[in-house]
N, C-alpha and C. Protein backbone atom coordinates (compact mmCIF):
# COMPACT_ATOMS: atom_id res chain seq x y z
N MET A 1 46.62 37.89 112.96
CA MET A 1 47.87 37.30 113.00
C MET A 1 49.16 37.89 111.77
N VAL A 2 49.95 38.03 112.03
CA VAL A 2 50.97 38.54 110.65
C VAL A 2 51.51 37.58 109.87
N GLU A 3 51.73 37.68 109.12
CA GLU A 3 52.34 36.53 108.09
C GLU A 3 53.59 36.93 108.01
N THR A 4 54.55 36.33 108.40
CA THR A 4 56.19 36.25 107.98
C THR A 4 56.61 35.07 107.18
N THR A 5 56.08 35.33 106.08
CA THR A 5 56.63 34.58 104.81
C THR A 5 57.97 35.41 104.36
N GLN A 6 58.48 35.01 103.10
CA GLN A 6 59.68 35.93 102.60
C GLN A 6 59.28 36.93 102.20
N THR A 7 58.11 37.25 101.88
CA THR A 7 57.59 38.44 101.45
C THR A 7 56.64 39.21 102.49
N GLY A 8 56.67 38.72 103.70
CA GLY A 8 56.09 38.98 104.67
C GLY A 8 56.64 40.30 105.38
N LEU A 9 56.79 40.38 106.62
CA LEU A 9 56.76 41.72 107.52
C LEU A 9 58.29 42.19 107.58
N TRP A 10 59.40 41.22 107.59
CA TRP A 10 60.79 41.70 107.50
C TRP A 10 61.07 42.82 106.45
N PRO A 11 60.43 42.54 105.09
CA PRO A 11 61.26 43.46 104.27
C PRO A 11 60.20 44.91 104.00
N HIS A 12 59.16 44.88 104.84
CA HIS A 12 58.57 46.17 105.46
C HIS A 12 59.40 47.03 106.49
N LEU A 13 59.68 46.49 107.36
CA LEU A 13 60.43 46.72 108.38
C LEU A 13 61.59 47.35 107.97
N TYR A 14 62.26 46.96 106.83
CA TYR A 14 63.63 47.21 106.18
C TYR A 14 63.44 48.44 105.22
N ALA A 15 62.45 48.44 104.65
CA ALA A 15 62.29 49.48 103.38
C ALA A 15 62.65 50.66 104.07
N PRO A 16 62.36 51.55 104.82
CA PRO A 16 62.72 52.92 105.12
C PRO A 16 64.38 52.89 104.97
N LEU A 17 65.09 51.90 105.45
CA LEU A 17 66.56 52.13 105.24
C LEU A 17 67.01 51.28 104.24
N LYS A 18 66.41 51.08 102.92
CA LYS A 18 66.95 50.89 102.00
C LYS A 18 67.38 52.06 101.20
N GLY A 19 68.41 51.70 100.77
CA GLY A 19 69.25 53.14 100.14
C GLY A 19 69.79 54.20 100.89
N LEU A 20 70.03 53.76 102.36
CA LEU A 20 70.29 54.97 103.18
C LEU A 20 72.12 54.89 103.08
N SER A 21 72.61 54.17 102.71
CA SER A 21 74.11 54.31 102.24
C SER A 21 74.34 55.25 101.14
N THR A 22 73.19 55.17 100.29
CA THR A 22 73.70 55.84 98.89
C THR A 22 73.16 57.50 99.55
N LYS A 23 72.42 57.56 100.11
CA LYS A 23 72.17 59.10 100.77
C LYS A 23 72.99 59.66 101.55
N ILE A 24 73.31 58.96 102.46
CA ILE A 24 74.66 59.37 103.37
C ILE A 24 75.82 59.37 102.40
N SER A 25 76.23 59.18 101.48
CA SER A 25 77.36 59.37 100.65
C SER A 25 77.18 60.42 99.72
N ASP A 26 75.80 60.47 99.07
CA ASP A 26 75.90 61.72 98.68
C ASP A 26 75.29 63.25 99.42
N TRP A 27 74.78 62.98 100.81
CA TRP A 27 74.98 64.09 101.55
C TRP A 27 76.40 64.62 102.12
N LEU A 28 77.23 63.74 102.16
CA LEU A 28 78.93 64.00 102.22
C LEU A 28 79.78 64.32 101.28
N SER A 29 79.31 63.94 100.05
CA SER A 29 80.11 64.12 98.73
C SER A 29 79.75 65.75 98.47
N PRO A 30 80.68 66.46 97.97
CA PRO A 30 80.64 67.74 97.58
C PRO A 30 79.74 67.56 96.46
N ALA A 31 79.07 68.83 96.08
CA ALA A 31 78.65 69.20 94.86
C ALA A 31 79.53 69.31 93.91
N SER A 32 79.13 69.04 92.57
CA SER A 32 80.13 69.24 91.35
C SER A 32 79.26 69.46 90.38
N ASP A 33 80.30 70.05 89.38
CA ASP A 33 79.79 70.40 88.09
C ASP A 33 80.79 69.69 86.79
N ALA A 34 80.43 69.37 85.57
CA ALA A 34 81.69 69.01 84.66
C ALA A 34 80.87 69.18 83.46
N SER A 35 81.89 69.86 82.74
CA SER A 35 81.64 70.62 81.37
C SER A 35 82.75 69.97 80.62
N SER A 36 82.65 70.33 78.94
CA SER A 36 83.74 70.20 78.35
C SER A 36 83.49 70.96 77.09
N ASP A 37 84.81 71.49 76.09
CA ASP A 37 84.59 72.19 75.34
C ASP A 37 85.82 71.53 74.19
N ASP A 38 86.12 72.08 72.82
CA ASP A 38 86.85 71.25 72.48
C ASP A 38 88.54 70.88 72.49
N GLY A 39 88.84 72.12 73.50
CA GLY A 39 89.94 72.02 74.12
C GLY A 39 90.37 71.42 75.67
N ALA A 40 89.07 71.44 76.57
CA ALA A 40 89.46 70.70 77.49
C ALA A 40 88.37 70.28 78.22
N TYR A 41 88.41 69.44 79.33
CA TYR A 41 87.31 69.11 80.50
C TYR A 41 87.66 69.86 81.62
N ARG A 42 86.25 70.45 82.23
CA ARG A 42 86.47 71.36 83.11
C ARG A 42 85.56 70.71 84.34
N ILE A 43 86.03 70.58 85.60
CA ILE A 43 85.14 69.90 86.97
C ILE A 43 85.38 70.86 87.79
N SER A 44 84.23 71.33 88.18
CA SER A 44 84.00 72.38 89.60
C SER A 44 83.61 71.76 90.60
N VAL A 45 83.99 71.80 91.70
CA VAL A 45 83.68 71.27 93.03
C VAL A 45 83.70 72.15 94.19
N GLU A 46 82.35 71.89 94.69
CA GLU A 46 82.28 72.99 95.67
C GLU A 46 82.56 72.27 97.31
N LEU A 47 83.86 73.38 97.57
CA LEU A 47 84.25 73.18 99.08
C LEU A 47 84.24 74.16 100.03
N PRO A 48 83.27 74.51 100.38
CA PRO A 48 83.49 75.70 101.03
C PRO A 48 84.01 75.61 102.51
N GLY A 49 84.89 76.18 103.14
CA GLY A 49 85.68 76.01 104.46
C GLY A 49 86.59 75.08 104.42
N VAL A 50 86.96 74.44 103.02
CA VAL A 50 88.20 73.53 103.04
C VAL A 50 89.21 74.23 102.82
N PRO A 51 90.44 74.15 103.35
CA PRO A 51 91.79 75.18 102.87
C PRO A 51 92.57 74.42 101.57
N GLU A 52 93.09 74.78 100.77
CA GLU A 52 93.70 74.11 99.59
C GLU A 52 94.65 73.56 100.34
N GLU A 53 95.24 73.49 101.12
CA GLU A 53 96.25 72.01 101.47
C GLU A 53 95.32 70.95 102.43
N ALA A 54 94.08 71.17 102.36
CA ALA A 54 93.48 69.86 102.89
C ALA A 54 92.81 69.17 101.72
N VAL A 55 93.26 69.62 100.33
CA VAL A 55 92.41 68.68 99.05
C VAL A 55 93.63 68.29 98.63
N GLU A 56 93.51 67.17 97.92
CA GLU A 56 94.34 66.14 97.15
C GLU A 56 93.85 65.54 96.27
N LEU A 57 94.34 66.02 94.88
CA LEU A 57 93.63 65.25 93.60
C LEU A 57 95.17 64.25 93.19
N ARG A 58 94.30 63.12 92.13
CA ARG A 58 95.09 62.14 92.08
C ARG A 58 94.33 61.51 90.91
N VAL A 59 95.19 61.37 89.84
CA VAL A 59 94.66 60.21 88.83
C VAL A 59 95.30 58.90 88.46
N ASP A 60 94.43 58.10 88.82
CA ASP A 60 94.86 56.80 88.84
C ASP A 60 93.86 55.99 87.88
N ASP A 61 94.51 55.17 86.75
CA ASP A 61 93.75 54.46 85.64
C ASP A 61 92.64 55.25 84.92
N GLY A 62 92.77 56.02 84.66
CA GLY A 62 91.85 56.88 84.15
C GLY A 62 90.79 57.65 85.17
N VAL A 63 90.90 57.57 86.34
CA VAL A 63 89.94 58.08 87.44
C VAL A 63 90.52 59.34 88.01
N LEU A 64 89.82 60.35 87.94
CA LEU A 64 90.53 61.60 88.90
C LEU A 64 89.27 61.64 89.83
N SER A 65 90.56 61.46 91.15
CA SER A 65 89.59 61.68 92.52
C SER A 65 90.03 62.85 93.17
N VAL A 66 89.17 63.58 93.69
CA VAL A 66 89.41 64.57 94.93
C VAL A 66 89.25 64.10 96.17
N THR A 67 89.89 64.35 97.15
CA THR A 67 89.69 63.85 98.23
C THR A 67 90.29 65.05 99.58
N GLY A 68 89.83 64.92 100.62
CA GLY A 68 89.92 65.92 101.52
C GLY A 68 89.27 65.52 102.79
N GLU A 69 89.21 66.57 103.64
CA GLU A 69 88.87 66.48 104.96
C GLU A 69 88.13 67.82 105.09
N LYS A 70 86.59 67.90 105.76
CA LYS A 70 86.11 69.20 105.98
C LYS A 70 85.97 69.27 107.99
N THR A 71 86.07 70.74 107.90
CA THR A 71 86.19 70.84 109.29
C THR A 71 85.92 72.31 109.59
N ALA A 72 84.89 72.49 109.73
CA ALA A 72 84.10 73.77 109.47
C ALA A 72 83.27 74.10 111.12
N THR A 73 83.38 75.49 111.51
CA THR A 73 82.58 75.47 112.89
C THR A 73 81.78 76.84 112.76
N ARG A 74 80.50 77.06 112.85
CA ARG A 74 80.07 78.30 113.50
C ARG A 74 79.49 78.42 114.67
N GLU A 75 79.41 79.41 115.38
CA GLU A 75 79.07 79.93 116.57
C GLU A 75 78.47 81.07 116.80
N ASP A 76 76.96 80.85 117.34
CA ASP A 76 76.09 82.06 117.65
C ASP A 76 75.90 82.25 118.87
N ARG A 77 75.64 83.34 119.11
CA ARG A 77 75.26 83.36 120.93
C ARG A 77 74.54 84.74 121.02
N GLY A 78 73.52 84.47 121.57
CA GLY A 78 72.52 85.93 122.26
C GLY A 78 72.43 86.03 123.41
N GLU A 79 71.52 86.77 124.05
CA GLU A 79 71.25 86.80 125.61
C GLU A 79 71.17 85.68 126.29
N THR A 80 69.90 85.03 125.78
CA THR A 80 69.27 83.88 126.39
C THR A 80 69.61 82.55 125.42
N TRP A 81 70.39 82.49 124.40
CA TRP A 81 70.47 81.27 123.53
C TRP A 81 72.20 81.01 123.29
N TYR A 82 72.33 79.93 123.11
CA TYR A 82 73.69 79.60 122.42
C TYR A 82 73.60 78.51 121.07
N PHE A 83 74.09 78.70 120.11
CA PHE A 83 73.91 77.81 119.03
C PHE A 83 75.44 77.53 118.26
N SER A 84 75.58 76.36 118.04
CA SER A 84 76.95 76.14 117.60
C SER A 84 76.67 74.79 116.48
N GLU A 85 77.36 75.16 115.24
CA GLU A 85 77.00 74.06 114.22
C GLU A 85 78.45 73.54 113.87
N ARG A 86 78.86 72.24 113.77
CA ARG A 86 80.13 71.91 113.60
C ARG A 86 79.73 70.68 112.33
N GLU A 87 80.66 70.97 111.22
CA GLU A 87 80.70 69.69 110.05
C GLU A 87 82.38 69.06 110.20
N TYR A 88 81.92 68.15 110.29
CA TYR A 88 83.46 67.39 110.01
C TYR A 88 83.02 66.04 109.39
N GLY A 89 84.47 65.85 108.71
CA GLY A 89 84.46 64.67 108.10
C GLY A 89 85.26 64.31 106.55
N ALA A 90 85.74 63.55 106.54
CA ALA A 90 86.57 63.32 104.92
C ALA A 90 85.49 62.99 103.88
N PHE A 91 85.99 63.52 102.77
CA PHE A 91 85.11 63.44 101.42
C PHE A 91 85.90 62.99 100.42
N ARG A 92 85.60 62.46 99.51
CA ARG A 92 86.05 61.84 98.18
C ARG A 92 85.02 61.42 96.86
N ARG A 93 85.33 62.59 95.95
CA ARG A 93 84.52 62.38 94.56
C ARG A 93 85.36 61.97 93.59
N SER A 94 84.80 61.18 92.63
CA SER A 94 85.73 60.39 91.38
C SER A 94 85.07 60.81 90.29
N PHE A 95 85.72 60.91 89.37
CA PHE A 95 85.44 61.18 87.83
C PHE A 95 86.23 60.14 87.19
N ARG A 96 85.54 59.67 86.10
CA ARG A 96 86.15 58.61 84.99
C ARG A 96 86.48 59.64 83.91
N LEU A 97 87.76 59.88 83.59
CA LEU A 97 87.87 60.89 82.26
C LEU A 97 87.96 60.13 81.08
N PRO A 98 87.79 60.78 80.23
CA PRO A 98 87.55 60.09 78.88
C PRO A 98 88.62 59.76 78.13
N GLY A 99 88.86 59.06 77.44
CA GLY A 99 90.32 58.60 76.49
C GLY A 99 91.16 59.60 76.23
N ASP A 100 90.66 60.69 75.61
CA ASP A 100 91.28 61.82 75.09
C ASP A 100 91.87 62.91 76.38
N ALA A 101 91.50 62.55 77.38
CA ALA A 101 91.85 63.46 78.67
C ALA A 101 93.31 63.48 78.41
N ASP A 102 93.98 64.39 78.86
CA ASP A 102 95.07 64.48 79.03
C ASP A 102 95.65 64.68 80.31
N ALA A 103 95.72 63.49 81.42
CA ALA A 103 96.10 63.98 82.79
C ALA A 103 97.20 64.62 83.10
N ASP A 104 98.32 64.28 82.45
CA ASP A 104 99.61 64.86 82.78
C ASP A 104 99.74 66.36 82.73
N ARG A 105 98.58 67.00 81.99
CA ARG A 105 98.46 68.29 82.18
C ARG A 105 97.71 69.05 83.10
N ALA A 106 97.17 68.18 83.71
CA ALA A 106 95.31 68.87 84.20
C ALA A 106 96.27 70.00 85.21
N GLU A 107 95.16 70.92 85.56
CA GLU A 107 95.65 72.03 86.69
C GLU A 107 94.20 72.15 87.33
N ALA A 108 94.74 72.67 88.91
CA ALA A 108 93.54 72.99 89.56
C ALA A 108 93.85 73.90 90.29
N HIS A 109 92.54 74.95 90.60
CA HIS A 109 92.53 76.15 91.10
C HIS A 109 91.59 76.30 91.83
N MET A 110 91.86 76.76 93.42
CA MET A 110 90.68 77.07 94.30
C MET A 110 90.75 78.45 94.55
N LYS A 111 89.16 78.90 94.56
CA LYS A 111 88.90 80.28 94.38
C LYS A 111 87.51 80.35 95.26
N ASP A 112 87.10 81.20 96.48
CA ASP A 112 85.83 81.31 97.13
C ASP A 112 85.50 80.08 97.59
N GLY A 113 86.33 79.11 97.80
CA GLY A 113 85.39 77.59 97.85
C GLY A 113 85.09 76.77 97.03
N VAL A 114 85.83 77.37 95.68
CA VAL A 114 85.24 76.44 94.54
C VAL A 114 86.32 76.20 93.85
N LEU A 115 86.66 74.71 93.74
CA LEU A 115 87.96 74.02 93.18
C LEU A 115 87.31 73.86 91.96
N GLU A 116 88.60 74.58 91.03
CA GLU A 116 88.24 74.32 89.26
C GLU A 116 89.21 73.74 88.76
N ILE A 117 89.18 72.28 87.93
CA ILE A 117 90.25 71.59 87.60
C ILE A 117 90.00 71.63 86.10
N THR A 118 91.19 71.62 85.43
CA THR A 118 91.07 71.86 84.06
C THR A 118 91.82 70.32 83.34
N VAL A 119 91.23 69.56 82.45
CA VAL A 119 91.80 68.68 82.00
C VAL A 119 92.16 68.72 80.54
N PRO A 120 93.23 69.20 79.78
CA PRO A 120 93.15 69.36 78.31
C PRO A 120 92.68 68.10 77.65
N ARG A 121 92.59 68.35 76.58
CA ARG A 121 92.04 67.05 75.53
C ARG A 121 93.38 66.85 74.53
N ARG A 122 93.70 65.70 74.22
CA ARG A 122 94.61 65.44 73.41
C ARG A 122 94.28 65.60 71.78
N ALA A 123 95.19 66.54 71.09
CA ALA A 123 94.42 66.20 69.81
C ALA A 123 94.39 64.96 69.13
N PRO A 124 93.76 64.70 68.31
CA PRO A 124 93.38 63.49 67.81
C PRO A 124 94.27 62.76 66.74
N GLU A 125 94.64 61.38 67.30
CA GLU A 125 95.79 61.01 66.73
C GLU A 125 95.88 60.90 65.35
N GLU A 126 96.60 60.94 64.22
CA GLU A 126 96.13 60.54 62.83
C GLU A 126 96.33 58.87 62.52
N SER A 127 95.65 58.32 62.26
CA SER A 127 95.76 56.65 62.00
C SER A 127 97.13 56.38 60.98
N ARG A 128 97.82 55.97 61.75
CA ARG A 128 99.11 55.50 61.32
C ARG A 128 98.92 54.33 60.44
N GLY A 129 98.34 53.89 58.95
CA GLY A 129 97.88 52.79 58.74
C GLY A 129 99.56 52.52 57.97
N ARG A 130 99.64 51.30 57.63
CA ARG A 130 100.83 50.66 56.76
C ARG A 130 100.41 49.49 56.21
N ARG A 131 100.96 49.52 55.17
CA ARG A 131 100.79 48.44 53.92
C ARG A 131 101.66 46.84 54.82
N ILE A 132 100.97 45.64 54.75
CA ILE A 132 101.18 44.76 55.12
C ILE A 132 101.69 43.71 53.86
N ALA A 133 102.89 43.41 53.67
CA ALA A 133 103.13 42.88 52.62
C ALA A 133 102.68 41.22 52.99
N VAL A 134 102.50 40.46 51.56
CA VAL A 134 101.78 39.02 51.96
C VAL A 134 102.92 38.46 51.20
N LYS A 135 103.31 36.99 51.96
CA LYS A 135 104.58 36.65 51.87
C LYS A 135 104.03 35.20 51.48
N LYS A 136 104.74 34.59 50.58
CA LYS A 136 104.28 33.04 50.40
C LYS A 136 104.86 32.25 51.47
N ALA A 137 104.23 31.11 51.87
CA ALA A 137 104.59 30.27 52.76
C ALA A 137 105.30 29.20 52.62
């Protein structure tokens, strides 16, 4: 007899599905690298087979989003065999920008299926301290 308490059979049946949405999201999201130096933040996103016109970049509330759609097809034929592999689907990848990132001057270039995004850093602002006079009440 199988016990079906709260910690019984059902949790074990669904265990292989746990985290499936995260795995699917990771599989569809393009691979990326992020780095920085004193002058700028740099993000590289792998988008093989995706034309520049199919990619959109936006910055909203300090979050840089890369969205687009991938439609790639590969077809192989032989004397007695045939193989076709297709990849279709929309993708989205988002990056939270640090406070000193100047999104208004961001630039993006695509070469050999790699999108290179450069977001300059703002110069540190000088503290504008001022003296406040204390008045009699």
